[in-house]
Amino acid sequence: MTVAASISSLQNFILREVKPVLLKEWIHIFNDTTTLRIAIIIPLFQLLIFGFAINNEVRNVRTAVLDQDRSKQSRQFLDRMEASTYFNIKEYASSKSELLDSLVSGKAQVGIVIPPDYSRSLAGKKTTSLQLLLDGSDSTVANQAASAVQQLGVNVSSEYMLNGRQGSLSSQNS
């Protein structure tokens, strides 16, 4: 059977079988005001409820931190994280296993590991990295948290490079 024959067969089926049923239902809905109200009100009600219930805005993500540097610079970075309203630091871990336990148990959705040479790297204007651990059970939170940390890191490192002063960031919040 060719494509043209298949399309013609489908059109004939729609005209013979589907169109009369649609016409009958259309007439029934407009003759019965209760059905018409239900057909209009329920979808509108669902649209309103779901429109307010679904919120993709990520705020106050439970965060655990392992700060191996414990310097003024790492503290400034963490202060910036909390000021951003994306993150709510709930726990300061003393080891990587403690940080992982927080993520696995659900106490935290995001884990940040600041390496021991963070402040030295910033002072020496070298590349430095933070480790970001994410709970992937909610991909929206994970993706937005990753983007926020990345942007915050870019902002902080740019300020250090532009200011040329080690240990000082401007007071503006990201």
N, C-alpha and C. Protein backbone atom coordinates (compact mmCIF):
# COMPACT_ATOMS: atom_id res chain seq x y z
N MET A 1 0.84 -1.17 0.00
CA MET A 1 0.00 0.00 0.00
C MET A 1 0.89 1.25 0.00
N THR A 2 0.61 2.20 -0.87
CA THR A 2 1.42 3.40 -0.97
C THR A 2 1.01 4.41 0.09
N VAL A 3 1.82 5.42 0.22
CA VAL A 3 1.55 6.47 1.21
C VAL A 3 0.27 7.21 0.84
N ALA A 4 0.08 7.51 -0.42
CA ALA A 4 -1.12 8.22 -0.86
C ALA A 4 -2.36 7.41 -0.57
N ALA A 5 -2.30 6.09 -0.78
CA ALA A 5 -3.44 5.22 -0.50
C ALA A 5 -3.71 5.16 0.99
N SER A 6 -2.69 5.16 1.81
CA SER A 6 -2.85 5.14 3.27
C SER A 6 -3.51 6.41 3.76
N ILE A 7 -3.07 7.54 3.21
CA ILE A 7 -3.67 8.82 3.61
C ILE A 7 -5.12 8.87 3.19
N SER A 8 -5.43 8.42 2.00
CA SER A 8 -6.82 8.40 1.52
C SER A 8 -7.68 7.50 2.38
N SER A 9 -7.14 6.36 2.79
CA SER A 9 -7.87 5.43 3.64
C SER A 9 -8.15 6.05 5.01
N LEU A 10 -7.17 6.76 5.56
CA LEU A 10 -7.33 7.42 6.84
C LEU A 10 -8.38 8.53 6.76
N GLN A 11 -8.37 9.30 5.68
CA GLN A 11 -9.36 10.36 5.50
C GLN A 11 -10.77 9.78 5.41
N ASN A 12 -10.92 8.69 4.67
CA ASN A 12 -12.23 8.04 4.57
C ASN A 12 -12.71 7.54 5.93
N PHE A 13 -11.80 6.97 6.73
CA PHE A 13 -12.15 6.49 8.07
C PHE A 13 -12.62 7.64 8.95
N ILE A 14 -11.89 8.77 8.89
CA ILE A 14 -12.26 9.93 9.70
C ILE A 14 -13.63 10.45 9.29
N LEU A 15 -13.89 10.55 7.98
CA LEU A 15 -15.18 11.06 7.51
C LEU A 15 -16.33 10.12 7.86
N ARG A 16 -16.11 8.79 7.76
CA ARG A 16 -17.16 7.81 8.02
C ARG A 16 -17.40 7.56 9.50
N GLU A 17 -16.33 7.44 10.29
CA GLU A 17 -16.45 6.97 11.66
C GLU A 17 -16.31 8.06 12.72
N VAL A 18 -15.30 8.88 12.60
CA VAL A 18 -14.97 9.84 13.65
C VAL A 18 -15.86 11.08 13.59
N LYS A 19 -16.08 11.63 12.40
CA LYS A 19 -16.85 12.86 12.26
C LYS A 19 -18.25 12.75 12.83
N PRO A 20 -19.01 11.68 12.56
CA PRO A 20 -20.35 11.60 13.16
C PRO A 20 -20.33 11.55 14.70
N VAL A 21 -19.33 10.86 15.27
CA VAL A 21 -19.25 10.79 16.74
C VAL A 21 -18.90 12.17 17.32
N LEU A 22 -17.97 12.87 16.70
CA LEU A 22 -17.63 14.21 17.16
C LEU A 22 -18.82 15.16 17.07
N LEU A 23 -19.55 15.08 15.98
CA LEU A 23 -20.74 15.93 15.79
C LEU A 23 -21.79 15.65 16.85
N LYS A 24 -22.04 14.37 17.15
CA LYS A 24 -23.01 13.96 18.17
C LYS A 24 -22.60 14.50 19.55
N GLU A 25 -21.32 14.35 19.89
CA GLU A 25 -20.85 14.81 21.19
C GLU A 25 -20.90 16.34 21.28
N TRP A 26 -20.55 17.01 20.22
CA TRP A 26 -20.59 18.47 20.18
C TRP A 26 -22.01 18.97 20.44
N ILE A 27 -22.98 18.38 19.78
CA ILE A 27 -24.39 18.75 19.96
C ILE A 27 -24.82 18.47 21.41
N HIS A 28 -24.41 17.31 21.93
CA HIS A 28 -24.78 16.94 23.31
C HIS A 28 -24.22 17.95 24.32
N ILE A 29 -22.97 18.34 24.16
CA ILE A 29 -22.35 19.27 25.09
C ILE A 29 -23.06 20.62 25.08
N PHE A 30 -23.42 21.13 23.90
CA PHE A 30 -24.06 22.43 23.85
C PHE A 30 -25.54 22.39 24.23
N ASN A 31 -26.16 21.24 24.18
CA ASN A 31 -27.56 21.13 24.62
C ASN A 31 -27.67 20.92 26.12
N ASP A 32 -26.65 20.33 26.73
CA ASP A 32 -26.68 20.06 28.16
C ASP A 32 -25.76 21.07 28.85
N THR A 33 -26.36 22.05 29.55
CA THR A 33 -25.55 23.11 30.16
C THR A 33 -24.64 22.60 31.28
N THR A 34 -25.05 21.54 31.98
CA THR A 34 -24.20 20.98 33.03
C THR A 34 -22.90 20.42 32.44
N THR A 35 -23.02 19.69 31.36
CA THR A 35 -21.85 19.14 30.70
C THR A 35 -20.96 20.26 30.17
N LEU A 36 -21.57 21.29 29.61
CA LEU A 36 -20.81 22.43 29.09
C LEU A 36 -20.03 23.10 30.22
N ARG A 37 -20.69 23.30 31.37
CA ARG A 37 -20.00 23.92 32.52
C ARG A 37 -18.82 23.05 32.97
N ILE A 38 -19.04 21.75 33.06
CA ILE A 38 -17.99 20.84 33.49
C ILE A 38 -16.83 20.87 32.49
N ALA A 39 -17.16 20.87 31.21
CA ALA A 39 -16.13 20.86 30.17
C ALA A 39 -15.28 22.13 30.19
N ILE A 40 -15.84 23.22 30.70
CA ILE A 40 -15.10 24.48 30.74
C ILE A 40 -14.46 24.73 32.10
N ILE A 41 -15.21 24.49 33.18
CA ILE A 41 -14.75 24.86 34.51
C ILE A 41 -13.62 23.95 35.01
N ILE A 42 -13.73 22.65 34.83
CA ILE A 42 -12.71 21.74 35.37
C ILE A 42 -11.33 22.00 34.75
N PRO A 43 -11.19 22.13 33.44
CA PRO A 43 -9.85 22.44 32.91
C PRO A 43 -9.31 23.80 33.40
N LEU A 44 -10.19 24.80 33.53
CA LEU A 44 -9.74 26.09 34.05
C LEU A 44 -9.27 25.98 35.50
N PHE A 45 -10.02 25.24 36.30
CA PHE A 45 -9.66 25.01 37.69
C PHE A 45 -8.30 24.30 37.79
N GLN A 46 -8.11 23.26 36.97
CA GLN A 46 -6.83 22.54 36.96
C GLN A 46 -5.69 23.45 36.52
N LEU A 47 -5.94 24.27 35.54
CA LEU A 47 -4.92 25.19 35.06
C LEU A 47 -4.50 26.16 36.17
N LEU A 48 -5.46 26.68 36.91
CA LEU A 48 -5.13 27.59 38.01
C LEU A 48 -4.36 26.88 39.12
N ILE A 49 -4.82 25.71 39.52
CA ILE A 49 -4.16 24.99 40.61
C ILE A 49 -2.74 24.60 40.21
N PHE A 50 -2.58 24.00 39.06
CA PHE A 50 -1.25 23.57 38.64
C PHE A 50 -0.34 24.76 38.33
N GLY A 51 -0.92 25.85 37.88
CA GLY A 51 -0.12 27.04 37.60
C GLY A 51 0.50 27.61 38.86
N PHE A 52 -0.20 27.53 39.99
CA PHE A 52 0.35 28.03 41.24
C PHE A 52 1.16 26.97 41.98
N ALA A 53 0.84 25.70 41.78
CA ALA A 53 1.50 24.63 42.51
C ALA A 53 2.89 24.32 41.96
N ILE A 54 3.05 24.44 40.66
CA ILE A 54 4.34 24.11 40.05
C ILE A 54 5.21 25.36 40.05
N ASN A 55 6.31 25.26 40.77
CA ASN A 55 7.22 26.39 40.88
C ASN A 55 8.63 25.88 40.65
N ASN A 56 9.26 26.31 39.60
CA ASN A 56 10.61 25.87 39.27
C ASN A 56 11.69 26.77 39.84
N GLU A 57 11.30 27.72 40.67
CA GLU A 57 12.27 28.63 41.27
C GLU A 57 12.97 27.92 42.42
N VAL A 58 14.28 27.86 42.34
CA VAL A 58 15.07 27.15 43.34
C VAL A 58 15.62 28.16 44.34
N ARG A 59 15.29 27.96 45.60
CA ARG A 59 15.76 28.83 46.68
C ARG A 59 16.11 27.98 47.89
N ASN A 60 17.04 28.46 48.69
CA ASN A 60 17.40 27.84 49.97
C ASN A 60 17.69 26.35 49.86
N VAL A 61 18.54 25.99 48.93
CA VAL A 61 18.94 24.60 48.74
C VAL A 61 19.80 24.18 49.94
N ARG A 62 19.43 23.07 50.56
CA ARG A 62 20.20 22.57 51.71
C ARG A 62 21.60 22.21 51.25
N THR A 63 22.59 22.85 51.89
CA THR A 63 23.97 22.72 51.44
C THR A 63 24.88 22.29 52.59
N ALA A 64 25.79 21.39 52.29
CA ALA A 64 26.83 20.98 53.24
C ALA A 64 28.17 21.39 52.65
N VAL A 65 29.08 21.82 53.51
CA VAL A 65 30.36 22.36 53.06
C VAL A 65 31.50 21.65 53.78
N LEU A 66 32.53 21.32 53.02
CA LEU A 66 33.79 20.86 53.57
C LEU A 66 34.84 21.89 53.17
N ASP A 67 35.16 22.77 54.13
CA ASP A 67 36.13 23.84 53.88
C ASP A 67 37.49 23.38 54.39
N GLN A 68 38.32 22.89 53.49
CA GLN A 68 39.64 22.40 53.86
C GLN A 68 40.66 23.53 53.96
N ASP A 69 40.32 24.70 53.46
CA ASP A 69 41.23 25.84 53.48
C ASP A 69 41.05 26.68 54.75
N ARG A 70 39.82 26.89 55.15
CA ARG A 70 39.48 27.68 56.35
C ARG A 70 40.18 29.04 56.35
N SER A 71 40.13 29.71 55.25
CA SER A 71 40.78 31.02 55.12
C SER A 71 39.72 32.11 54.99
N LYS A 72 40.20 33.34 55.00
CA LYS A 72 39.31 34.48 54.81
C LYS A 72 38.63 34.39 53.43
N GLN A 73 39.38 33.97 52.42
CA GLN A 73 38.85 33.89 51.06
C GLN A 73 37.76 32.82 50.95
N SER A 74 37.99 31.67 51.58
CA SER A 74 36.96 30.62 51.51
C SER A 74 35.72 31.05 52.27
N ARG A 75 35.90 31.76 53.38
CA ARG A 75 34.76 32.26 54.16
C ARG A 75 33.98 33.28 53.34
N GLN A 76 34.69 34.13 52.61
CA GLN A 76 34.01 35.12 51.76
C GLN A 76 33.20 34.42 50.67
N PHE A 77 33.77 33.37 50.10
CA PHE A 77 33.04 32.63 49.07
C PHE A 77 31.77 32.02 49.66
N LEU A 78 31.87 31.42 50.83
CA LEU A 78 30.70 30.81 51.47
C LEU A 78 29.67 31.86 51.87
N ASP A 79 30.14 33.03 52.32
CA ASP A 79 29.22 34.12 52.63
C ASP A 79 28.46 34.56 51.38
N ARG A 80 29.15 34.61 50.27
CA ARG A 80 28.52 34.96 49.00
C ARG A 80 27.47 33.92 48.60
N MET A 81 27.81 32.65 48.85
CA MET A 81 26.85 31.58 48.54
C MET A 81 25.55 31.79 49.30
N GLU A 82 25.67 32.03 50.60
CA GLU A 82 24.46 32.20 51.40
C GLU A 82 23.72 33.48 51.04
N ALA A 83 24.43 34.53 50.69
CA ALA A 83 23.80 35.79 50.32
C ALA A 83 23.03 35.68 49.01
N SER A 84 23.37 34.70 48.20
CA SER A 84 22.71 34.57 46.89
C SER A 84 21.27 34.08 47.00
N THR A 85 20.84 33.59 48.13
CA THR A 85 19.52 33.00 48.41
C THR A 85 19.28 31.66 47.71
N TYR A 86 20.22 31.22 46.90
CA TYR A 86 20.08 29.89 46.32
C TYR A 86 20.43 28.82 47.37
N PHE A 87 21.37 29.14 48.23
CA PHE A 87 21.93 28.14 49.13
C PHE A 87 21.66 28.49 50.58
N ASN A 88 21.42 27.45 51.37
CA ASN A 88 21.26 27.57 52.81
C ASN A 88 22.23 26.56 53.42
N ILE A 89 23.35 27.03 53.91
CA ILE A 89 24.36 26.12 54.45
C ILE A 89 23.85 25.56 55.77
N LYS A 90 23.59 24.27 55.76
CA LYS A 90 23.03 23.58 56.93
C LYS A 90 24.11 22.89 57.75
N GLU A 91 25.24 22.55 57.11
CA GLU A 91 26.22 21.74 57.81
C GLU A 91 27.62 22.03 57.30
N TYR A 92 28.55 22.07 58.25
CA TYR A 92 29.97 22.16 57.92
C TYR A 92 30.58 20.82 58.27
N ALA A 93 30.96 20.07 57.26
CA ALA A 93 31.51 18.72 57.47
C ALA A 93 32.98 18.81 57.82
N SER A 94 33.46 17.82 58.58
CA SER A 94 34.87 17.79 58.94
C SER A 94 35.66 16.81 58.08
N SER A 95 34.94 16.00 57.29
CA SER A 95 35.62 15.05 56.39
C SER A 95 34.75 14.83 55.16
N LYS A 96 35.38 14.27 54.15
CA LYS A 96 34.65 14.00 52.91
C LYS A 96 33.57 12.93 53.14
N SER A 97 33.84 11.95 53.98
CA SER A 97 32.84 10.91 54.25
C SER A 97 31.63 11.51 54.98
N GLU A 98 31.87 12.47 55.87
CA GLU A 98 30.76 13.15 56.56
C GLU A 98 29.92 13.95 55.57
N LEU A 99 30.59 14.59 54.62
CA LEU A 99 29.89 15.35 53.58
C LEU A 99 29.04 14.41 52.71
N LEU A 100 29.61 13.29 52.31
CA LEU A 100 28.86 12.31 51.51
C LEU A 100 27.69 11.74 52.28
N ASP A 101 27.86 11.50 53.58
CA ASP A 101 26.76 11.01 54.41
C ASP A 101 25.60 12.00 54.43
N SER A 102 25.92 13.29 54.48
CA SER A 102 24.88 14.32 54.47
C SER A 102 24.08 14.28 53.17
N LEU A 103 24.79 14.07 52.06
CA LEU A 103 24.10 13.99 50.77
C LEU A 103 23.26 12.73 50.66
N VAL A 104 23.81 11.61 51.08
CA VAL A 104 23.11 10.33 50.96
C VAL A 104 21.89 10.30 51.87
N SER A 105 22.00 10.86 53.06
CA SER A 105 20.89 10.83 54.02
C SER A 105 19.80 11.84 53.68
N GLY A 106 20.08 12.78 52.80
CA GLY A 106 19.08 13.78 52.43
C GLY A 106 19.15 15.04 53.25
N LYS A 107 20.11 15.14 54.17
CA LYS A 107 20.26 16.36 54.97
C LYS A 107 20.69 17.52 54.08
N ALA A 108 21.40 17.20 53.01
CA ALA A 108 21.87 18.23 52.07
C ALA A 108 21.58 17.77 50.65
N GLN A 109 21.33 18.75 49.78
CA GLN A 109 21.11 18.48 48.37
C GLN A 109 22.35 18.83 47.55
N VAL A 110 23.21 19.66 48.15
CA VAL A 110 24.42 20.12 47.49
C VAL A 110 25.58 20.02 48.48
N GLY A 111 26.71 19.56 47.98
CA GLY A 111 27.93 19.53 48.79
C GLY A 111 29.02 20.31 48.08
N ILE A 112 29.75 21.13 48.84
CA ILE A 112 30.84 21.93 48.29
C ILE A 112 32.12 21.54 49.02
N VAL A 113 33.15 21.23 48.26
CA VAL A 113 34.46 20.95 48.84
C VAL A 113 35.42 22.05 48.39
N ILE A 114 35.93 22.80 49.38
CA ILE A 114 36.92 23.84 49.11
C ILE A 114 38.29 23.25 49.41
N PRO A 115 39.18 23.21 48.41
CA PRO A 115 40.48 22.55 48.60
C PRO A 115 41.40 23.32 49.55
N PRO A 116 42.40 22.64 50.11
CA PRO A 116 43.29 23.29 51.08
C PRO A 116 44.11 24.45 50.49
N ASP A 117 44.33 24.48 49.20
CA ASP A 117 45.15 25.54 48.59
C ASP A 117 44.31 26.62 47.91
N TYR A 118 43.05 26.74 48.28
CA TYR A 118 42.14 27.69 47.64
C TYR A 118 42.66 29.13 47.74
N SER A 119 43.01 29.58 48.94
CA SER A 119 43.43 30.98 49.11
C SER A 119 44.79 31.23 48.46
N ARG A 120 45.69 30.25 48.53
CA ARG A 120 47.01 30.43 47.89
C ARG A 120 46.85 30.55 46.38
N SER A 121 45.96 29.74 45.82
CA SER A 121 45.74 29.80 44.36
C SER A 121 45.16 31.15 43.96
N LEU A 122 44.21 31.65 44.75
CA LEU A 122 43.64 32.95 44.43
C LEU A 122 44.69 34.05 44.57
N ALA A 123 45.49 33.98 45.62
CA ALA A 123 46.51 35.01 45.85
C ALA A 123 47.56 34.97 44.74
N GLY A 124 47.88 33.77 44.27
CA GLY A 124 48.86 33.64 43.21
C GLY A 124 48.26 33.78 41.82
N LYS A 125 46.98 34.10 41.77
CA LYS A 125 46.25 34.25 40.51
C LYS A 125 46.37 33.01 39.64
N LYS A 126 46.31 31.86 40.32
CA LYS A 126 46.34 30.58 39.62
C LYS A 126 44.92 30.04 39.52
N THR A 127 44.76 29.09 38.63
CA THR A 127 43.46 28.43 38.50
C THR A 127 43.20 27.58 39.73
N THR A 128 42.03 27.72 40.28
CA THR A 128 41.63 26.90 41.42
C THR A 128 40.25 26.33 41.14
N SER A 129 39.99 25.18 41.74
CA SER A 129 38.70 24.52 41.51
C SER A 129 38.06 24.16 42.82
N LEU A 130 36.75 24.20 42.83
CA LEU A 130 35.96 23.71 43.93
C LEU A 130 35.28 22.43 43.47
N GLN A 131 35.02 21.53 44.37
CA GLN A 131 34.29 20.33 43.99
C GLN A 131 32.84 20.52 44.40
N LEU A 132 31.95 20.25 43.48
CA LEU A 132 30.52 20.38 43.71
C LEU A 132 29.91 19.00 43.63
N LEU A 133 29.26 18.58 44.71
CA LEU A 133 28.58 17.29 44.75
C LEU A 133 27.08 17.57 44.79
N LEU A 134 26.33 16.92 43.90
CA LEU A 134 24.90 17.19 43.78
C LEU A 134 24.09 15.94 44.01
N ASP A 135 22.95 16.10 44.68
CA ASP A 135 21.97 15.04 44.79
C ASP A 135 21.12 15.12 43.52
N GLY A 136 21.23 14.13 42.67
CA GLY A 136 20.55 14.18 41.37
C GLY A 136 19.11 13.73 41.39
N SER A 137 18.54 13.50 42.57
CA SER A 137 17.15 13.03 42.62
C SER A 137 16.17 14.10 42.15
N ASP A 138 16.55 15.36 42.24
CA ASP A 138 15.74 16.45 41.69
C ASP A 138 16.62 17.21 40.70
N SER A 139 16.44 16.89 39.44
CA SER A 139 17.34 17.44 38.42
C SER A 139 17.22 18.95 38.28
N THR A 140 16.05 19.51 38.55
CA THR A 140 15.88 20.96 38.47
C THR A 140 16.77 21.65 39.49
N VAL A 141 16.71 21.17 40.73
CA VAL A 141 17.55 21.74 41.79
C VAL A 141 19.02 21.55 41.46
N ALA A 142 19.38 20.35 41.03
CA ALA A 142 20.78 20.05 40.73
C ALA A 142 21.32 20.95 39.62
N ASN A 143 20.58 21.10 38.55
CA ASN A 143 21.04 21.93 37.43
C ASN A 143 21.16 23.40 37.81
N GLN A 144 20.16 23.92 38.52
CA GLN A 144 20.21 25.32 38.90
C GLN A 144 21.28 25.59 39.95
N ALA A 145 21.48 24.65 40.87
CA ALA A 145 22.54 24.80 41.87
C ALA A 145 23.91 24.79 41.20
N ALA A 146 24.10 23.89 40.25
CA ALA A 146 25.38 23.83 39.54
C ALA A 146 25.63 25.13 38.79
N SER A 147 24.63 25.65 38.14
CA SER A 147 24.78 26.92 37.41
C SER A 147 25.08 28.07 38.36
N ALA A 148 24.40 28.09 39.51
CA ALA A 148 24.61 29.18 40.47
C ALA A 148 26.02 29.14 41.04
N VAL A 149 26.52 27.95 41.39
CA VAL A 149 27.88 27.84 41.93
C VAL A 149 28.90 28.23 40.87
N GLN A 150 28.69 27.79 39.65
CA GLN A 150 29.62 28.13 38.58
C GLN A 150 29.66 29.64 38.36
N GLN A 151 28.49 30.27 38.32
CA GLN A 151 28.45 31.72 38.13
C GLN A 151 29.09 32.45 39.29
N LEU A 152 28.84 31.98 40.49
CA LEU A 152 29.43 32.59 41.68
C LEU A 152 30.96 32.47 41.65
N GLY A 153 31.44 31.30 41.25
CA GLY A 153 32.88 31.10 41.14
C GLY A 153 33.51 32.03 40.11
N VAL A 154 32.84 32.19 38.99
CA VAL A 154 33.34 33.10 37.95
C VAL A 154 33.37 34.54 38.47
N ASN A 155 32.31 34.94 39.17
CA ASN A 155 32.25 36.30 39.70
C ASN A 155 33.36 36.56 40.72
N VAL A 156 33.54 35.61 41.64
CA VAL A 156 34.56 35.78 42.68
C VAL A 156 35.95 35.82 42.08
N SER A 157 36.27 34.88 41.19
CA SER A 157 37.61 34.86 40.61
C SER A 157 37.85 36.09 39.74
N SER A 158 36.84 36.57 39.05
CA SER A 158 36.99 37.79 38.25
C SER A 158 37.30 38.99 39.13
N GLU A 159 36.62 39.07 40.27
CA GLU A 159 36.89 40.19 41.18
C GLU A 159 38.31 40.14 41.72
N TYR A 160 38.79 38.95 42.07
CA TYR A 160 40.16 38.84 42.55
C TYR A 160 41.15 39.26 41.47
N MET A 161 40.88 38.86 40.25
CA MET A 161 41.78 39.22 39.16
C MET A 161 41.74 40.73 38.89
N LEU A 162 40.55 41.32 38.92
CA LEU A 162 40.42 42.74 38.63
C LEU A 162 40.94 43.61 39.77
N ASN A 163 40.64 43.21 41.00
CA ASN A 163 41.06 44.01 42.16
C ASN A 163 42.56 43.92 42.38
N GLY A 164 43.13 42.76 42.08
CA GLY A 164 44.56 42.60 42.29
C GLY A 164 44.97 42.58 43.75
N ARG A 165 43.99 42.49 44.63
CA ARG A 165 44.28 42.46 46.06
C ARG A 165 43.92 41.09 46.59
N GLN A 166 44.84 40.45 47.26
CA GLN A 166 44.50 39.18 47.83
C GLN A 166 43.70 39.39 49.10
N GLY A 167 42.72 38.54 49.27
CA GLY A 167 41.94 38.57 50.52
C GLY A 167 40.84 39.60 50.56
N SER A 168 40.55 40.30 49.48
CA SER A 168 39.47 41.28 49.56
C SER A 168 38.56 41.16 48.35
N LEU A 169 37.30 41.15 48.66
CA LEU A 169 36.26 41.18 47.63
C LEU A 169 35.43 42.42 47.88
N SER A 170 34.78 42.90 46.85
CA SER A 170 33.88 44.01 47.06
C SER A 170 32.66 43.52 47.83
N SER A 171 31.89 44.41 48.36
CA SER A 171 30.79 44.01 49.23
C SER A 171 29.50 43.72 48.48
N GLN A 172 29.49 43.78 47.18
CA GLN A 172 28.26 43.48 46.46
C GLN A 172 28.01 41.99 46.45
N ASN A 173 26.74 41.61 46.49
CA ASN A 173 26.34 40.21 46.52
C ASN A 173 25.92 39.75 45.13
N SER A 174 26.18 38.48 44.84
CA SER A 174 25.78 37.93 43.56
C SER A 174 24.37 37.45 43.64
